[in-house]
Amino acid sequence: VSEAVVDPKADPHGKAQGAVIEAKLEKGRGPVVSVLVQQGTLTQGDVVVAGTAFGKIRTMTDEKGNKLAKVGPSTPVEIVGLNAVPD
């Protein structure tokens, strides 16, 4: 019996889904959430929900501090704009 080979790839189209890696409250910036995008594309201005926290993305930055307008799958990003720090 042969086994089917599965080629796991994330779909860059559609709604973004991801996992919160870290969340903290920074003075002057407010709640900052580190997210790993797993599916879809996340765009500045999108509305996000993380547990009981929600908000519109004001800024997104990569690990080097560069501002980003769009991020696709397998991309870690810091998001500012939520109303609270998620658990």
C-alpha atoms as a PDB file:
ATOM      1  CA  VAL A   1       0.000   0.000   0.000  1.00  0.00           C
ATOM      2  CA  SER A   2       1.480   3.332  -1.018  1.00  0.00           C
ATOM      3  CA  GLU A   3       1.124   6.416   1.136  1.00  0.00           C
ATOM      4  CA  ALA A   4       0.113   9.746  -0.320  1.00  0.00           C
ATOM      5  CA  VAL A   5       2.743  12.426   0.037  1.00  0.00           C
ATOM      6  CA  VAL A   6       1.324  15.544   1.604  1.00  0.00           C
ATOM      7  CA  ASP A   7       2.938  18.854   0.730  1.00  0.00           C
ATOM      8  CA  PRO A   8       1.998  21.123   3.643  1.00  0.00           C
ATOM      9  CA  LYS A   9       1.931  24.740   2.548  1.00  0.00           C
ATOM     10  CA  ALA A  10       0.167  27.687   4.090  1.00  0.00           C
ATOM     11  CA  ASP A  11      -2.410  29.471   1.978  1.00  0.00           C
ATOM     12  CA  PRO A  12      -1.561  33.198   1.664  1.00  0.00           C
ATOM     13  CA  HIS A  13      -5.116  33.995   0.546  1.00  0.00           C
ATOM     14  CA  GLY A  14      -8.099  34.577   2.796  1.00  0.00           C
ATOM     15  CA  LYS A  15      -8.405  35.625   6.414  1.00  0.00           C
ATOM     16  CA  ALA A  16      -5.259  35.581   8.492  1.00  0.00           C
ATOM     17  CA  GLN A  17      -4.914  33.138  11.366  1.00  0.00           C
ATOM     18  CA  GLY A  18      -2.017  32.846  13.730  1.00  0.00           C
ATOM     19  CA  ALA A  19      -0.709  32.175  17.197  1.00  0.00           C
ATOM     20  CA  VAL A  20       0.160  34.704  19.877  1.00  0.00           C
ATOM     21  CA  ILE A  21       3.745  34.099  20.948  1.00  0.00           C
ATOM     22  CA  GLU A  22       4.105  36.901  23.493  1.00  0.00           C
ATOM     23  CA  ALA A  23       2.019  39.814  24.749  1.00  0.00           C
ATOM     24  CA  LYS A  24       3.088  42.753  26.880  1.00  0.00           C
ATOM     25  CA  LEU A  25       2.158  46.295  27.837  1.00  0.00           C
ATOM     26  CA  GLU A  26       4.737  48.876  26.742  1.00  0.00           C
ATOM     27  CA  LYS A  27       4.815  52.432  27.986  1.00  0.00           C
ATOM     28  CA  GLY A  28       4.003  54.795  25.129  1.00  0.00           C
ATOM     29  CA  ARG A  29       2.875  52.019  22.739  1.00  0.00           C
ATOM     30  CA  GLY A  30       0.192  50.227  24.736  1.00  0.00           C
ATOM     31  CA  PRO A  31      -0.503  46.510  24.280  1.00  0.00           C
ATOM     32  CA  VAL A  32       2.112  44.890  22.011  1.00  0.00           C
ATOM     33  CA  VAL A  33       1.460  41.379  20.702  1.00  0.00           C
ATOM     34  CA  SER A  34       3.987  39.120  18.978  1.00  0.00           C
ATOM     35  CA  VAL A  35       2.165  36.893  16.495  1.00  0.00           C
ATOM     36  CA  LEU A  36       3.195  34.113  14.114  1.00  0.00           C
ATOM     37  CA  VAL A  37       0.948  34.232  11.035  1.00  0.00           C
ATOM     38  CA  GLN A  38      -0.001  30.657  10.082  1.00  0.00           C
ATOM     39  CA  GLN A  39      -2.589  31.136   7.311  1.00  0.00           C
ATOM     40  CA  GLY A  40      -3.651  34.058   5.129  1.00  0.00           C
ATOM     41  CA  THR A  41      -2.240  37.561   4.881  1.00  0.00           C
ATOM     42  CA  LEU A  42      -2.326  40.139   7.665  1.00  0.00           C
ATOM     43  CA  THR A  43      -2.562  43.779   6.562  1.00  0.00           C
ATOM     44  CA  GLN A  44      -2.177  47.008   8.500  1.00  0.00           C
ATOM     45  CA  GLY A  45      -5.676  48.234   9.363  1.00  0.00           C
ATOM     46  CA  ASP A  46      -7.148  44.723   9.713  1.00  0.00           C
ATOM     47  CA  VAL A  47      -9.270  44.005  12.763  1.00  0.00           C
ATOM     48  CA  VAL A  48      -7.778  41.284  14.972  1.00  0.00           C
ATOM     49  CA  VAL A  49      -9.089  39.241  17.895  1.00  0.00           C
ATOM     50  CA  ALA A  50      -6.785  37.511  20.383  1.00  0.00           C
ATOM     51  CA  GLY A  51      -8.742  35.913  23.207  1.00  0.00           C
ATOM     52  CA  THR A  52     -10.741  38.711  24.828  1.00  0.00           C
ATOM     53  CA  ALA A  53      -8.550  41.453  23.309  1.00  0.00           C
ATOM     54  CA  PHE A  54      -9.432  43.039  19.980  1.00  0.00           C
ATOM     55  CA  GLY A  55      -8.534  46.040  17.877  1.00  0.00           C
ATOM     56  CA  LYS A  56      -7.444  47.458  14.571  1.00  0.00           C
ATOM     57  CA  ILE A  57      -3.783  47.036  13.637  1.00  0.00           C
ATOM     58  CA  ARG A  58      -2.077  50.437  13.892  1.00  0.00           C
ATOM     59  CA  THR A  59       1.464  49.231  13.209  1.00  0.00           C
ATOM     60  CA  MET A  60       3.254  45.985  12.439  1.00  0.00           C
ATOM     61  CA  THR A  61       6.999  45.505  12.791  1.00  0.00           C
ATOM     62  CA  ASP A  62       9.354  42.627  12.086  1.00  0.00           C
ATOM     63  CA  GLU A  63      12.016  41.296  14.463  1.00  0.00           C
ATOM     64  CA  LYS A  64      14.449  44.032  13.342  1.00  0.00           C
ATOM     65  CA  GLY A  65      11.977  46.857  13.996  1.00  0.00           C
ATOM     66  CA  ASN A  66      11.147  47.517  10.328  1.00  0.00           C
ATOM     67  CA  LYS A  67       7.555  48.650   9.729  1.00  0.00           C
ATOM     68  CA  LEU A  68       5.468  46.318   7.567  1.00  0.00           C
ATOM     69  CA  ALA A  69       2.230  46.920   5.671  1.00  0.00           C
ATOM     70  CA  LYS A  70       1.495  43.231   4.854  1.00  0.00           C
ATOM     71  CA  VAL A  71       2.718  39.894   6.151  1.00  0.00           C
ATOM     72  CA  GLY A  72       2.057  36.403   4.867  1.00  0.00           C
ATOM     73  CA  PRO A  73       2.234  32.903   6.337  1.00  0.00           C
ATOM     74  CA  SER A  74       5.197  31.809   8.493  1.00  0.00           C
ATOM     75  CA  THR A  75       5.983  35.399   9.390  1.00  0.00           C
ATOM     76  CA  PRO A  76       6.515  36.576  12.971  1.00  0.00           C
ATOM     77  CA  VAL A  77       5.305  40.125  13.549  1.00  0.00           C
ATOM     78  CA  GLU A  78       4.707  42.567  16.418  1.00  0.00           C
ATOM     79  CA  ILE A  79       1.278  44.173  16.373  1.00  0.00           C
ATOM     80  CA  VAL A  80       0.205  47.406  18.089  1.00  0.00           C
ATOM     81  CA  GLY A  81      -3.434  48.459  18.257  1.00  0.00           C
ATOM     82  CA  LEU A  82      -5.285  46.038  20.523  1.00  0.00           C
ATOM     83  CA  ASN A  83      -7.451  47.353  23.352  1.00  0.00           C
ATOM     84  CA  ALA A  84      -5.837  45.088  25.999  1.00  0.00           C
ATOM     85  CA  VAL A  85      -3.023  42.607  26.516  1.00  0.00           C
ATOM     86  CA  PRO A  86      -4.342  39.124  25.635  1.00  0.00           C
ATOM     87  CA  ASP A  87      -3.809  36.224  28.075  1.00  0.00           C
END
